[in-house]
Amino acid sequence: MYKDGRATQQRWAPLTRLGVYKCTCSDIHKAYGDAIDDGVKIITMSLGPSGPPQNYLEDCFSIGALNAFINEVFVSASASAGNVGAAGSVVNAAPWVLTVAASTINRESFC
């Protein structure tokens, strides 16, 4: 990335624009708001809480994602980011967030 915030990228779709935002927990609501104000239509997160799962109505990541969802922004999150639960579980369980995970055919490497 260049010092002025520009980055090189290969475009896979016409008119695609990449937005990168600082997303510490204390900044999460502002980052979501900035993305919404910038006209972003898809937010992908590879981050999450480091503690045990919370009620998603009180979790800063889920509340920010709900605001995005209300503003017609699609939100997806990595299942492994911040995951501290039992094998086969995920932390981000808000129904307005698509949680994405990876696996293998026989899932041996994940057990």
PDB file of N, CA and C in Angstrom:
ATOM      1  N   MET A   1       0.848  -1.171   0.000  1.00  0.00           N
ATOM      2  CA  MET A   1       0.000   0.000   0.000  1.00  0.00           C
ATOM      3  C   MET A   1       0.893   1.233   0.000  1.00  0.00           C
ATOM      4  N   TYR A   2       0.491   2.228  -0.765  1.00  0.00           N
ATOM      5  CA  TYR A   2       1.220   3.480  -0.823  1.00  0.00           C
ATOM      6  C   TYR A   2       0.900   4.339   0.394  1.00  0.00           C
ATOM      7  N   LYS A   3       1.755   5.335   0.668  1.00  0.00           N
ATOM      8  CA  LYS A   3       1.551   6.191   1.842  1.00  0.00           C
ATOM      9  C   LYS A   3       0.258   7.000   1.778  1.00  0.00           C
ATOM     10  N   ASP A   4      -0.259   7.248   0.589  1.00  0.00           N
ATOM     11  CA  ASP A   4      -1.496   8.027   0.469  1.00  0.00           C
ATOM     12  C   ASP A   4      -2.752   7.161   0.547  1.00  0.00           C
ATOM     13  N   GLY A   5      -2.587   5.874   0.871  1.00  0.00           N
ATOM     14  CA  GLY A   5      -3.741   4.999   1.031  1.00  0.00           C
ATOM     15  C   GLY A   5      -4.108   4.217  -0.216  1.00  0.00           C
ATOM     16  N   ARG A   6      -3.471   4.532  -1.352  1.00  0.00           N
ATOM     17  CA  ARG A   6      -3.755   3.776  -2.574  1.00  0.00           C
ATOM     18  C   ARG A   6      -3.058   2.426  -2.503  1.00  0.00           C
ATOM     19  N   ALA A   7      -3.621   1.445  -3.149  1.00  0.00           N
ATOM     20  CA  ALA A   7      -3.017   0.120  -3.195  1.00  0.00           C
ATOM     21  C   ALA A   7      -3.159  -0.434  -4.602  1.00  0.00           C
ATOM     22  N   THR A   8      -2.268  -1.346  -4.949  1.00  0.00           N
ATOM     23  CA  THR A   8      -2.431  -2.019  -6.229  1.00  0.00           C
ATOM     24  C   THR A   8      -3.376  -3.191  -6.025  1.00  0.00           C
ATOM     25  N   GLN A   9      -4.181  -3.453  -7.025  1.00  0.00           N
ATOM     26  CA  GLN A   9      -5.124  -4.562  -6.934  1.00  0.00           C
ATOM     27  C   GLN A   9      -5.465  -5.035  -8.335  1.00  0.00           C
ATOM     28  N   GLN A  10      -5.877  -6.278  -8.444  1.00  0.00           N
ATOM     29  CA  GLN A  10      -6.388  -6.790  -9.701  1.00  0.00           C
ATOM     30  C   GLN A  10      -7.902  -6.767  -9.600  1.00  0.00           C
ATOM     31  N   ARG A  11      -8.534  -6.203 -10.576  1.00  0.00           N
ATOM     32  CA  ARG A  11      -9.995  -6.111 -10.532  1.00  0.00           C
ATOM     33  C   ARG A  11     -10.609  -7.359 -11.141  1.00  0.00           C
ATOM     34  N   TRP A  12     -11.551  -7.899 -10.438  1.00  0.00           N
ATOM     35  CA  TRP A  12     -12.270  -9.076 -10.927  1.00  0.00           C
ATOM     36  C   TRP A  12     -13.679  -8.728 -11.345  1.00  0.00           C
ATOM     37  N   ALA A  13     -14.101  -7.505 -11.099  1.00  0.00           N
ATOM     38  CA  ALA A  13     -15.425  -7.045 -11.517  1.00  0.00           C
ATOM     39  C   ALA A  13     -15.329  -5.566 -11.858  1.00  0.00           C
ATOM     40  N   PRO A  14     -16.005  -5.149 -12.930  1.00  0.00           N
ATOM     41  CA  PRO A  14     -15.989  -3.726 -13.277  1.00  0.00           C
ATOM     42  C   PRO A  14     -16.545  -2.873 -12.137  1.00  0.00           C
ATOM     43  N   LEU A  15     -15.974  -1.717 -11.957  1.00  0.00           N
ATOM     44  CA  LEU A  15     -16.415  -0.735 -10.962  1.00  0.00           C
ATOM     45  C   LEU A  15     -16.206  -1.178  -9.518  1.00  0.00           C
ATOM     46  N   THR A  16     -15.398  -2.201  -9.295  1.00  0.00           N
ATOM     47  CA  THR A  16     -15.103  -2.652  -7.934  1.00  0.00           C
ATOM     48  C   THR A  16     -14.166  -1.653  -7.269  1.00  0.00           C
ATOM     49  N   ARG A  17     -14.430  -1.356  -6.004  1.00  0.00           N
ATOM     50  CA  ARG A  17     -13.586  -0.447  -5.236  1.00  0.00           C
ATOM     51  C   ARG A  17     -13.286  -1.107  -3.905  1.00  0.00           C
ATOM     52  N   LEU A  18     -12.044  -1.051  -3.482  1.00  0.00           N
ATOM     53  CA  LEU A  18     -11.618  -1.663  -2.229  1.00  0.00           C
ATOM     54  C   LEU A  18     -11.542  -0.592  -1.151  1.00  0.00           C
ATOM     55  N   GLY A  19     -12.242  -0.809  -0.042  1.00  0.00           N
ATOM     56  CA  GLY A  19     -12.180   0.105   1.094  1.00  0.00           C
ATOM     57  C   GLY A  19     -11.553  -0.613   2.276  1.00  0.00           C
ATOM     58  N   VAL A  20     -10.561  -0.007   2.898  1.00  0.00           N
ATOM     59  CA  VAL A  20      -9.877  -0.609   4.043  1.00  0.00           C
ATOM     60  C   VAL A  20     -10.086   0.301   5.243  1.00  0.00           C
ATOM     61  N   TYR A  21     -10.535  -0.262   6.364  1.00  0.00           N
ATOM     62  CA  TYR A  21     -10.876   0.531   7.537  1.00  0.00           C
ATOM     63  C   TYR A  21     -10.225  -0.051   8.782  1.00  0.00           C
ATOM     64  N   LYS A  22      -9.788   0.824   9.685  1.00  0.00           N
ATOM     65  CA  LYS A  22      -9.264   0.402  10.980  1.00  0.00           C
ATOM     66  C   LYS A  22     -10.424  -0.150  11.800  1.00  0.00           C
ATOM     67  N   CYS A  23     -10.263  -1.335  12.365  1.00  0.00           N
ATOM     68  CA  CYS A  23     -11.404  -1.993  13.012  1.00  0.00           C
ATOM     69  C   CYS A  23     -11.070  -2.564  14.384  1.00  0.00           C
ATOM     70  N   THR A  24     -10.482  -1.784  15.268  1.00  0.00           N
ATOM     71  CA  THR A  24     -10.372  -2.243  16.646  1.00  0.00           C
ATOM     72  C   THR A  24     -11.760  -2.138  17.255  1.00  0.00           C
ATOM     73  N   CYS A  25     -11.999  -2.834  18.348  1.00  0.00           N
ATOM     74  CA  CYS A  25     -13.352  -2.862  18.913  1.00  0.00           C
ATOM     75  C   CYS A  25     -13.853  -1.455  19.250  1.00  0.00           C
ATOM     76  N   SER A  26     -12.986  -0.600  19.749  1.00  0.00           N
ATOM     77  CA  SER A  26     -13.427   0.759  20.100  1.00  0.00           C
ATOM     78  C   SER A  26     -13.769   1.590  18.862  1.00  0.00           C
ATOM     79  N   ASP A  27     -13.264   1.210  17.696  1.00  0.00           N
ATOM     80  CA  ASP A  27     -13.515   1.942  16.453  1.00  0.00           C
ATOM     81  C   ASP A  27     -14.568   1.276  15.568  1.00  0.00           C
ATOM     82  N   ILE A  28     -15.088   0.119  15.969  1.00  0.00           N
ATOM     83  CA  ILE A  28     -15.894  -0.696  15.066  1.00  0.00           C
ATOM     84  C   ILE A  28     -17.148   0.024  14.571  1.00  0.00           C
ATOM     85  N   HIS A  29     -17.850   0.719  15.437  1.00  0.00           N
ATOM     86  CA  HIS A  29     -19.071   1.401  15.007  1.00  0.00           C
ATOM     87  C   HIS A  29     -18.767   2.519  14.016  1.00  0.00           C
ATOM     88  N   LYS A  30     -17.688   3.258  14.262  1.00  0.00           N
ATOM     89  CA  LYS A  30     -17.296   4.313  13.329  1.00  0.00           C
ATOM     90  C   LYS A  30     -16.876   3.712  11.991  1.00  0.00           C
ATOM     91  N   ALA A  31     -16.159   2.593  12.016  1.00  0.00           N
ATOM     92  CA  ALA A  31     -15.728   1.955  10.771  1.00  0.00           C
ATOM     93  C   ALA A  31     -16.931   1.504   9.945  1.00  0.00           C
ATOM     94  N   TYR A  32     -17.913   0.886  10.600  1.00  0.00           N
ATOM     95  CA  TYR A  32     -19.135   0.505   9.884  1.00  0.00           C
ATOM     96  C   TYR A  32     -19.829   1.748   9.326  1.00  0.00           C
ATOM     97  N   GLY A  33     -19.957   2.790  10.141  1.00  0.00           N
ATOM     98  CA  GLY A  33     -20.602   4.023   9.695  1.00  0.00           C
ATOM     99  C   GLY A  33     -19.881   4.655   8.519  1.00  0.00           C
ATOM    100  N   ASP A  34     -18.546   4.671   8.575  1.00  0.00           N
ATOM    101  CA  ASP A  34     -17.760   5.214   7.467  1.00  0.00           C
ATOM    102  C   ASP A  34     -17.997   4.411   6.193  1.00  0.00           C
ATOM    103  N   ALA A  35     -18.025   3.090   6.326  1.00  0.00           N
ATOM    104  CA  ALA A  35     -18.254   2.236   5.155  1.00  0.00           C
ATOM    105  C   ALA A  35     -19.636   2.498   4.560  1.00  0.00           C
ATOM    106  N   ILE A  36     -20.642   2.616   5.419  1.00  0.00           N
ATOM    107  CA  ILE A  36     -22.005   2.909   4.952  1.00  0.00           C
ATOM    108  C   ILE A  36     -22.046   4.269   4.259  1.00  0.00           C
ATOM    109  N   ASP A  37     -21.450   5.289   4.881  1.00  0.00           N
ATOM    110  CA  ASP A  37     -21.430   6.640   4.307  1.00  0.00           C
ATOM    111  C   ASP A  37     -20.683   6.682   2.978  1.00  0.00           C
ATOM    112  N   ASP A  38     -19.662   5.813   2.829  1.00  0.00           N
ATOM    113  CA  ASP A  38     -18.882   5.756   1.590  1.00  0.00           C
ATOM    114  C   ASP A  38     -19.607   5.003   0.479  1.00  0.00           C
ATOM    115  N   GLY A  39     -20.768   4.430   0.781  1.00  0.00           N
ATOM    116  CA  GLY A  39     -21.532   3.718  -0.245  1.00  0.00           C
ATOM    117  C   GLY A  39     -21.115   2.279  -0.455  1.00  0.00           C
ATOM    118  N   VAL A  40     -20.381   1.714   0.498  1.00  0.00           N
ATOM    119  CA  VAL A  40     -19.958   0.320   0.391  1.00  0.00           C
ATOM    120  C   VAL A  40     -21.192  -0.570   0.378  1.00  0.00           C
ATOM    121  N   LYS A  41     -21.191  -1.604  -0.448  1.00  0.00           N
ATOM    122  CA  LYS A  41     -22.325  -2.529  -0.532  1.00  0.00           C
ATOM    123  C   LYS A  41     -22.022  -3.885   0.102  1.00  0.00           C
ATOM    124  N   ILE A  42     -20.736  -4.214   0.285  1.00  0.00           N
ATOM    125  CA  ILE A  42     -20.334  -5.484   0.893  1.00  0.00           C
ATOM    126  C   ILE A  42     -19.227  -5.211   1.899  1.00  0.00           C
ATOM    127  N   ILE A  43     -19.374  -5.729   3.115  1.00  0.00           N
ATOM    128  CA  ILE A  43     -18.326  -5.663   4.132  1.00  0.00           C
ATOM    129  C   ILE A  43     -17.931  -7.096   4.457  1.00  0.00           C
ATOM    130  N   THR A  44     -16.642  -7.403   4.322  1.00  0.00           N
ATOM    131  CA  THR A  44     -16.138  -8.706   4.741  1.00  0.00           C
ATOM    132  C   THR A  44     -15.236  -8.480   5.935  1.00  0.00           C
ATOM    133  N   MET A  45     -15.452  -9.244   6.991  1.00  0.00           N
ATOM    134  CA  MET A  45     -14.662  -9.084   8.213  1.00  0.00           C
ATOM    135  C   MET A  45     -13.858 -10.349   8.461  1.00  0.00           C
ATOM    136  N   SER A  46     -12.614 -10.163   8.794  1.00  0.00           N
ATOM    137  CA  SER A  46     -11.790 -11.270   9.253  1.00  0.00           C
ATOM    138  C   SER A  46     -11.281 -10.886  10.635  1.00  0.00           C
ATOM    139  N   LEU A  47     -12.214 -10.645  11.511  1.00  0.00           N
ATOM    140  CA  LEU A  47     -11.901 -10.258  12.881  1.00  0.00           C
ATOM    141  C   LEU A  47     -13.088 -10.637  13.738  1.00  0.00           C
ATOM    142  N   GLY A  48     -12.873 -10.630  15.012  1.00  0.00           N
ATOM    143  CA  GLY A  48     -13.963 -10.981  15.910  1.00  0.00           C
ATOM    144  C   GLY A  48     -13.526 -10.843  17.350  1.00  0.00           C
ATOM    145  N   PRO A  49     -14.439 -11.049  18.276  1.00  0.00           N
ATOM    146  CA  PRO A  49     -14.106 -10.916  19.695  1.00  0.00           C
ATOM    147  C   PRO A  49     -13.114 -11.982  20.131  1.00  0.00           C
ATOM    148  N   SER A  50     -12.279 -11.640  21.098  1.00  0.00           N
ATOM    149  CA  SER A  50     -11.271 -12.591  21.575  1.00  0.00           C
ATOM    150  C   SER A  50     -11.737 -13.371  22.797  1.00  0.00           C
ATOM    151  N   GLY A  51     -12.863 -13.016  23.346  1.00  0.00           N
ATOM    152  CA  GLY A  51     -13.383 -13.708  24.521  1.00  0.00           C
ATOM    153  C   GLY A  51     -14.481 -14.681  24.157  1.00  0.00           C
ATOM    154  N   PRO A  52     -15.142 -15.204  25.169  1.00  0.00           N
ATOM    155  CA  PRO A  52     -16.232 -16.148  24.918  1.00  0.00           C
ATOM    156  C   PRO A  52     -17.389 -15.470  24.188  1.00  0.00           C
ATOM    157  N   PRO A  53     -18.221 -16.248  23.500  1.00  0.00           N
ATOM    158  CA  PRO A  53     -19.343 -15.667  22.764  1.00  0.00           C
ATOM    159  C   PRO A  53     -20.249 -14.831  23.668  1.00  0.00           C
ATOM    160  N   GLN A  54     -20.711 -13.713  23.123  1.00  0.00           N
ATOM    161  CA  GLN A  54     -21.620 -12.821  23.838  1.00  0.00           C
ATOM    162  C   GLN A  54     -22.996 -12.892  23.186  1.00  0.00           C
ATOM    163  N   ASN A  55     -23.974 -12.314  23.840  1.00  0.00           N
ATOM    164  CA  ASN A  55     -25.275 -12.128  23.227  1.00  0.00           C
ATOM    165  C   ASN A  55     -25.055 -11.197  22.038  1.00  0.00           C
ATOM    166  N   TYR A  56     -25.458 -11.614  20.846  1.00  0.00           N
ATOM    167  CA  TYR A  56     -25.166 -10.798  19.672  1.00  0.00           C
ATOM    168  C   TYR A  56     -25.882  -9.452  19.674  1.00  0.00           C
ATOM    169  N   LEU A  57     -26.836  -9.249  20.558  1.00  0.00           N
ATOM    170  CA  LEU A  57     -27.466  -7.934  20.670  1.00  0.00           C
ATOM    171  C   LEU A  57     -26.639  -6.978  21.527  1.00  0.00           C
ATOM    172  N   GLU A  58     -25.565  -7.488  22.151  1.00  0.00           N
ATOM    173  CA  GLU A  58     -24.676  -6.668  22.980  1.00  0.00           C
ATOM    174  C   GLU A  58     -23.246  -6.641  22.452  1.00  0.00           C
ATOM    175  N   ASP A  59     -22.961  -7.384  21.404  1.00  0.00           N
ATOM    176  CA  ASP A  59     -21.619  -7.511  20.843  1.00  0.00           C
ATOM    177  C   ASP A  59     -21.356  -6.375  19.850  1.00  0.00           C
ATOM    178  N   CYS A  60     -20.220  -5.679  19.979  1.00  0.00           N
ATOM    179  CA  CYS A  60     -19.955  -4.510  19.125  1.00  0.00           C
ATOM    180  C   CYS A  60     -19.878  -4.881  17.646  1.00  0.00           C
ATOM    181  N   PHE A  61     -19.371  -6.065  17.310  1.00  0.00           N
ATOM    182  CA  PHE A  61     -19.284  -6.481  15.909  1.00  0.00           C
ATOM    183  C   PHE A  61     -20.682  -6.706  15.331  1.00  0.00           C
ATOM    184  N   SER A  62     -21.535  -7.371  16.094  1.00  0.00           N
ATOM    185  CA  SER A  62     -22.892  -7.677  15.626  1.00  0.00           C
ATOM    186  C   SER A  62     -23.758  -6.430  15.526  1.00  0.00           C
ATOM    187  N   ILE A  63     -23.617  -5.506  16.468  1.00  0.00           N
ATOM    188  CA  ILE A  63     -24.404  -4.269  16.433  1.00  0.00           C
ATOM    189  C   ILE A  63     -24.008  -3.434  15.218  1.00  0.00           C
ATOM    190  N   GLY A  64     -22.711  -3.337  14.955  1.00  0.00           N
ATOM    191  CA  GLY A  64     -22.255  -2.616  13.764  1.00  0.00           C
ATOM    192  C   GLY A  64     -22.754  -3.273  12.488  1.00  0.00           C
ATOM    193  N   ALA A  65     -22.729  -4.609  12.461  1.00  0.00           N
ATOM    194  CA  ALA A  65     -23.221  -5.335  11.288  1.00  0.00           C
ATOM    195  C   ALA A  65     -24.722  -5.142  11.111  1.00  0.00           C
ATOM    196  N   LEU A  66     -25.464  -5.048  12.212  1.00  0.00           N
ATOM    197  CA  LEU A  66     -26.905  -4.799  12.124  1.00  0.00           C
ATOM    198  C   LEU A  66     -27.168  -3.432  11.497  1.00  0.00           C
ATOM    199  N   ASN A  67     -26.401  -2.432  11.894  1.00  0.00           N
ATOM    200  CA  ASN A  67     -26.541  -1.105  11.299  1.00  0.00           C
ATOM    201  C   ASN A  67     -26.267  -1.166   9.798  1.00  0.00           C
ATOM    202  N   ALA A  68     -25.237  -1.922   9.407  1.00  0.00           N
ATOM    203  CA  ALA A  68     -24.939  -2.086   7.984  1.00  0.00           C
ATOM    204  C   ALA A  68     -26.096  -2.789   7.274  1.00  0.00           C
ATOM    205  N   PHE A  69     -26.597  -3.857   7.864  1.00  0.00           N
ATOM    206  CA  PHE A  69     -27.710  -4.619   7.288  1.00  0.00           C
ATOM    207  C   PHE A  69     -28.942  -3.734   7.087  1.00  0.00           C
ATOM    208  N   ILE A  70     -29.257  -2.923   8.081  1.00  0.00           N
ATOM    209  CA  ILE A  70     -30.402  -2.003   7.982  1.00  0.00           C
ATOM    210  C   ILE A  70     -30.214  -1.038   6.814  1.00  0.00           C
ATOM    211  N   ASN A  71     -28.949  -0.707   6.518  1.00  0.00           N
ATOM    212  CA  ASN A  71     -28.632   0.203   5.415  1.00  0.00           C
ATOM    213  C   ASN A  71     -28.334  -0.541   4.116  1.00  0.00           C
ATOM    214  N   GLU A  72     -28.803  -1.790   4.021  1.00  0.00           N
ATOM    215  CA  GLU A  72     -28.698  -2.616   2.815  1.00  0.00           C
ATOM    216  C   GLU A  72     -27.263  -2.920   2.412  1.00  0.00           C
ATOM    217  N   VAL A  73     -26.395  -3.119   3.397  1.00  0.00           N
ATOM    218  CA  VAL A  73     -25.019  -3.534   3.155  1.00  0.00           C
ATOM    219  C   VAL A  73     -24.897  -4.995   3.576  1.00  0.00           C
ATOM    220  N   PHE A  74     -24.373  -5.836   2.686  1.00  0.00           N
ATOM    221  CA  PHE A  74     -24.177  -7.253   2.967  1.00  0.00           C
ATOM    222  C   PHE A  74     -22.920  -7.407   3.819  1.00  0.00           C
ATOM    223  N   VAL A  75     -22.988  -8.186   4.904  1.00  0.00           N
ATOM    224  CA  VAL A  75     -21.847  -8.386   5.802  1.00  0.00           C
ATOM    225  C   VAL A  75     -21.528  -9.874   5.881  1.00  0.00           C
ATOM    226  N   SER A  76     -20.263 -10.226   5.628  1.00  0.00           N
ATOM    227  CA  SER A  76     -19.816 -11.603   5.831  1.00  0.00           C
ATOM    228  C   SER A  76     -18.623 -11.585   6.775  1.00  0.00           C
ATOM    229  N   ALA A  77     -18.472 -12.664   7.536  1.00  0.00           N
ATOM    230  CA  ALA A  77     -17.394 -12.748   8.524  1.00  0.00           C
ATOM    231  C   ALA A  77     -16.748 -14.118   8.464  1.00  0.00           C
ATOM    232  N   SER A  78     -15.457 -14.148   8.704  1.00  0.00           N
ATOM    233  CA  SER A  78     -14.720 -15.398   8.782  1.00  0.00           C
ATOM    234  C   SER A  78     -15.104 -16.134  10.056  1.00  0.00           C
ATOM    235  N   ALA A  79     -15.379 -17.426   9.940  1.00  0.00           N
ATOM    236  CA  ALA A  79     -15.759 -18.217  11.115  1.00  0.00           C
ATOM    237  C   ALA A  79     -14.596 -18.376  12.080  1.00  0.00           C
ATOM    238  N   SER A  80     -13.373 -18.331  11.586  1.00  0.00           N
ATOM    239  CA  SER A  80     -12.221 -18.584  12.453  1.00  0.00           C
ATOM    240  C   SER A  80     -11.711 -17.346  13.171  1.00  0.00           C
ATOM    241  N   ALA A  81     -12.048 -16.163  12.703  1.00  0.00           N
ATOM    242  CA  ALA A  81     -11.517 -14.939  13.303  1.00  0.00           C
ATOM    243  C   ALA A  81     -12.074 -14.731  14.702  1.00  0.00           C
ATOM    244  N   GLY A  82     -11.201 -14.757  15.677  1.00  0.00           N
ATOM    245  CA  GLY A  82     -11.617 -14.540  17.050  1.00  0.00           C
ATOM    246  C   GLY A  82     -12.336 -15.717  17.676  1.00  0.00           C
ATOM    247  N   ASN A  83     -12.351 -16.854  16.991  1.00  0.00           N
ATOM    248  CA  ASN A  83     -13.114 -17.995  17.499  1.00  0.00           C
ATOM    249  C   ASN A  83     -12.387 -18.658  18.660  1.00  0.00           C
ATOM    250  N   VAL A  84     -13.062 -18.770  19.785  1.00  0.00           N
ATOM    251  CA  VAL A  84     -12.467 -19.380  20.979  1.00  0.00           C
ATOM    252  C   VAL A  84     -13.336 -20.501  21.532  1.00  0.00           C
ATOM    253  N   GLY A  85     -14.373 -20.876  20.817  1.00  0.00           N
ATOM    254  CA  GLY A  85     -15.300 -21.897  21.301  1.00  0.00           C
ATOM    255  C   GLY A  85     -14.817 -23.307  21.019  1.00  0.00           C
ATOM    256  N   ALA A  86     -15.703 -24.246  21.263  1.00  0.00           N
ATOM    257  CA  ALA A  86     -15.415 -25.654  21.010  1.00  0.00           C
ATOM    258  C   ALA A  86     -15.265 -25.894  19.513  1.00  0.00           C
ATOM    259  N   ALA A  87     -14.600 -26.985  19.157  1.00  0.00           N
ATOM    260  CA  ALA A  87     -14.444 -27.356  17.756  1.00  0.00           C
ATOM    261  C   ALA A  87     -15.814 -27.421  17.096  1.00  0.00           C
ATOM    262  N   GLY A  88     -15.909 -26.878  15.904  1.00  0.00           N
ATOM    263  CA  GLY A  88     -17.171 -26.888  15.183  1.00  0.00           C
ATOM    264  C   GLY A  88     -18.123 -25.772  15.556  1.00  0.00           C
ATOM    265  N   SER A  89     -17.686 -24.827  16.398  1.00  0.00           N
ATOM    266  CA  SER A  89     -18.554 -23.713  16.788  1.00  0.00           C
ATOM    267  C   SER A  89     -17.990 -22.404  16.250  1.00  0.00           C
ATOM    268  N   VAL A  90     -18.821 -21.381  16.221  1.00  0.00           N
ATOM    269  CA  VAL A  90     -18.397 -20.057  15.777  1.00  0.00           C
ATOM    270  C   VAL A  90     -18.836 -19.015  16.792  1.00  0.00           C
ATOM    271  N   VAL A  91     -18.135 -17.895  16.813  1.00  0.00           N
ATOM    272  CA  VAL A  91     -18.460 -16.818  17.742  1.00  0.00           C
ATOM    273  C   VAL A  91     -19.517 -15.893  17.149  1.00  0.00           C
ATOM    274  N   ASN A  92     -19.356 -15.532  15.879  1.00  0.00           N
ATOM    275  CA  ASN A  92     -20.292 -14.587  15.277  1.00  0.00           C
ATOM    276  C   ASN A  92     -21.548 -15.332  14.820  1.00  0.00           C
ATOM    277  N   ALA A  93     -22.607 -15.192  15.596  1.00  0.00           N
ATOM    278  CA  ALA A  93     -23.847 -15.923  15.335  1.00  0.00           C
ATOM    279  C   ALA A  93     -25.019 -15.012  15.012  1.00  0.00           C
ATOM    280  N   ALA A  94     -24.768 -13.741  14.762  1.00  0.00           N
ATOM    281  CA  ALA A  94     -25.855 -12.814  14.441  1.00  0.00           C
ATOM    282  C   ALA A  94     -26.514 -13.246  13.132  1.00  0.00           C
ATOM    283  N   PRO A  95     -27.833 -13.302  13.085  1.00  0.00           N
ATOM    284  CA  PRO A  95     -28.517 -13.791  11.889  1.00  0.00           C
ATOM    285  C   PRO A  95     -28.388 -12.883  10.669  1.00  0.00           C
ATOM    286  N   TRP A  96     -27.912 -11.652  10.840  1.00  0.00           N
ATOM    287  CA  TRP A  96     -27.754 -10.733   9.714  1.00  0.00           C
ATOM    288  C   TRP A  96     -26.326 -10.744   9.166  1.00  0.00           C
ATOM    289  N   VAL A  97     -25.480 -11.667   9.640  1.00  0.00           N
ATOM    290  CA  VAL A  97     -24.108 -11.804   9.161  1.00  0.00           C
ATOM    291  C   VAL A  97     -23.942 -13.193   8.555  1.00  0.00           C
ATOM    292  N   LEU A  98     -23.396 -13.263   7.330  1.00  0.00           N
ATOM    293  CA  LEU A  98     -23.078 -14.551   6.732  1.00  0.00           C
ATOM    294  C   LEU A  98     -21.716 -14.986   7.254  1.00  0.00           C
ATOM    295  N   THR A  99     -21.664 -16.095   7.974  1.00  0.00           N
ATOM    296  CA  THR A  99     -20.412 -16.615   8.507  1.00  0.00           C
ATOM    297  C   THR A  99     -19.851 -17.627   7.522  1.00  0.00           C
ATOM    298  N   VAL A 100     -18.582 -17.447   7.140  1.00  0.00           N
ATOM    299  CA  VAL A 100     -17.953 -18.277   6.127  1.00  0.00           C
ATOM    300  C   VAL A 100     -16.832 -19.078   6.766  1.00  0.00           C
ATOM    301  N   ALA A 101     -16.774 -20.372   6.447  1.00  0.00           N
ATOM    302  CA  ALA A 101     -15.738 -21.246   6.998  1.00  0.00           C
ATOM    303  C   ALA A 101     -15.115 -22.076   5.883  1.00  0.00           C
ATOM    304  N   ALA A 102     -13.985 -22.669   6.181  1.00  0.00           N
ATOM    305  CA  ALA A 102     -13.317 -23.572   5.249  1.00  0.00           C
ATOM    306  C   ALA A 102     -13.307 -24.968   5.845  1.00  0.00           C
ATOM    307  N   SER A 103     -13.226 -25.934   4.987  1.00  0.00           N
ATOM    308  CA  SER A 103     -13.197 -27.315   5.454  1.00  0.00           C
ATOM    309  C   SER A 103     -12.478 -28.159   4.420  1.00  0.00           C
ATOM    310  N   THR A 104     -12.349 -29.426   4.703  1.00  0.00           N
ATOM    311  CA  THR A 104     -11.826 -30.389   3.746  1.00  0.00           C
ATOM    312  C   THR A 104     -12.912 -31.423   3.517  1.00  0.00           C
ATOM    313  N   ILE A 105     -12.676 -32.316   2.584  1.00  0.00           N
ATOM    314  CA  ILE A 105     -13.691 -33.327   2.278  1.00  0.00           C
ATOM    315  C   ILE A 105     -14.003 -34.176   3.498  1.00  0.00           C
ATOM    316  N   ASN A 106     -12.961 -34.648   4.179  1.00  0.00           N
ATOM    317  CA  ASN A 106     -13.202 -35.514   5.340  1.00  0.00           C
ATOM    318  C   ASN A 106     -13.045 -34.772   6.669  1.00  0.00           C
ATOM    319  N   ARG A 107     -12.740 -33.489   6.624  1.00  0.00           N
ATOM    320  CA  ARG A 107     -12.627 -32.618   7.799  1.00  0.00           C
ATOM    321  C   ARG A 107     -11.590 -33.104   8.813  1.00  0.00           C
ATOM    322  N   GLU A 108     -10.679 -33.978   8.409  1.00  0.00           N
ATOM    323  CA  GLU A 108      -9.670 -34.497   9.337  1.00  0.00           C
ATOM    324  C   GLU A 108      -8.801 -33.398   9.923  1.00  0.00           C
ATOM    325  N   SER A 109      -8.411 -32.421   9.106  1.00  0.00           N
ATOM    326  CA  SER A 109      -7.499 -31.393   9.602  1.00  0.00           C
ATOM    327  C   SER A 109      -8.178 -30.401  10.542  1.00  0.00           C
ATOM    328  N   PHE A 110      -9.483 -30.472  10.697  1.00  0.00           N
ATOM    329  CA  PHE A 110     -10.209 -29.550  11.554  1.00  0.00           C
ATOM    330  C   PHE A 110     -10.725 -30.206  12.827  1.00  0.00           C
ATOM    331  N   CYS A 111     -10.425 -31.466  13.043  1.00  0.00           N
ATOM    332  CA  CYS A 111     -10.939 -32.175  14.225  1.00  0.00           C
ATOM    333  C   CYS A 111      -9.856 -32.375  15.259  1.00  0.00           C
TER     334      CYS A 111
END
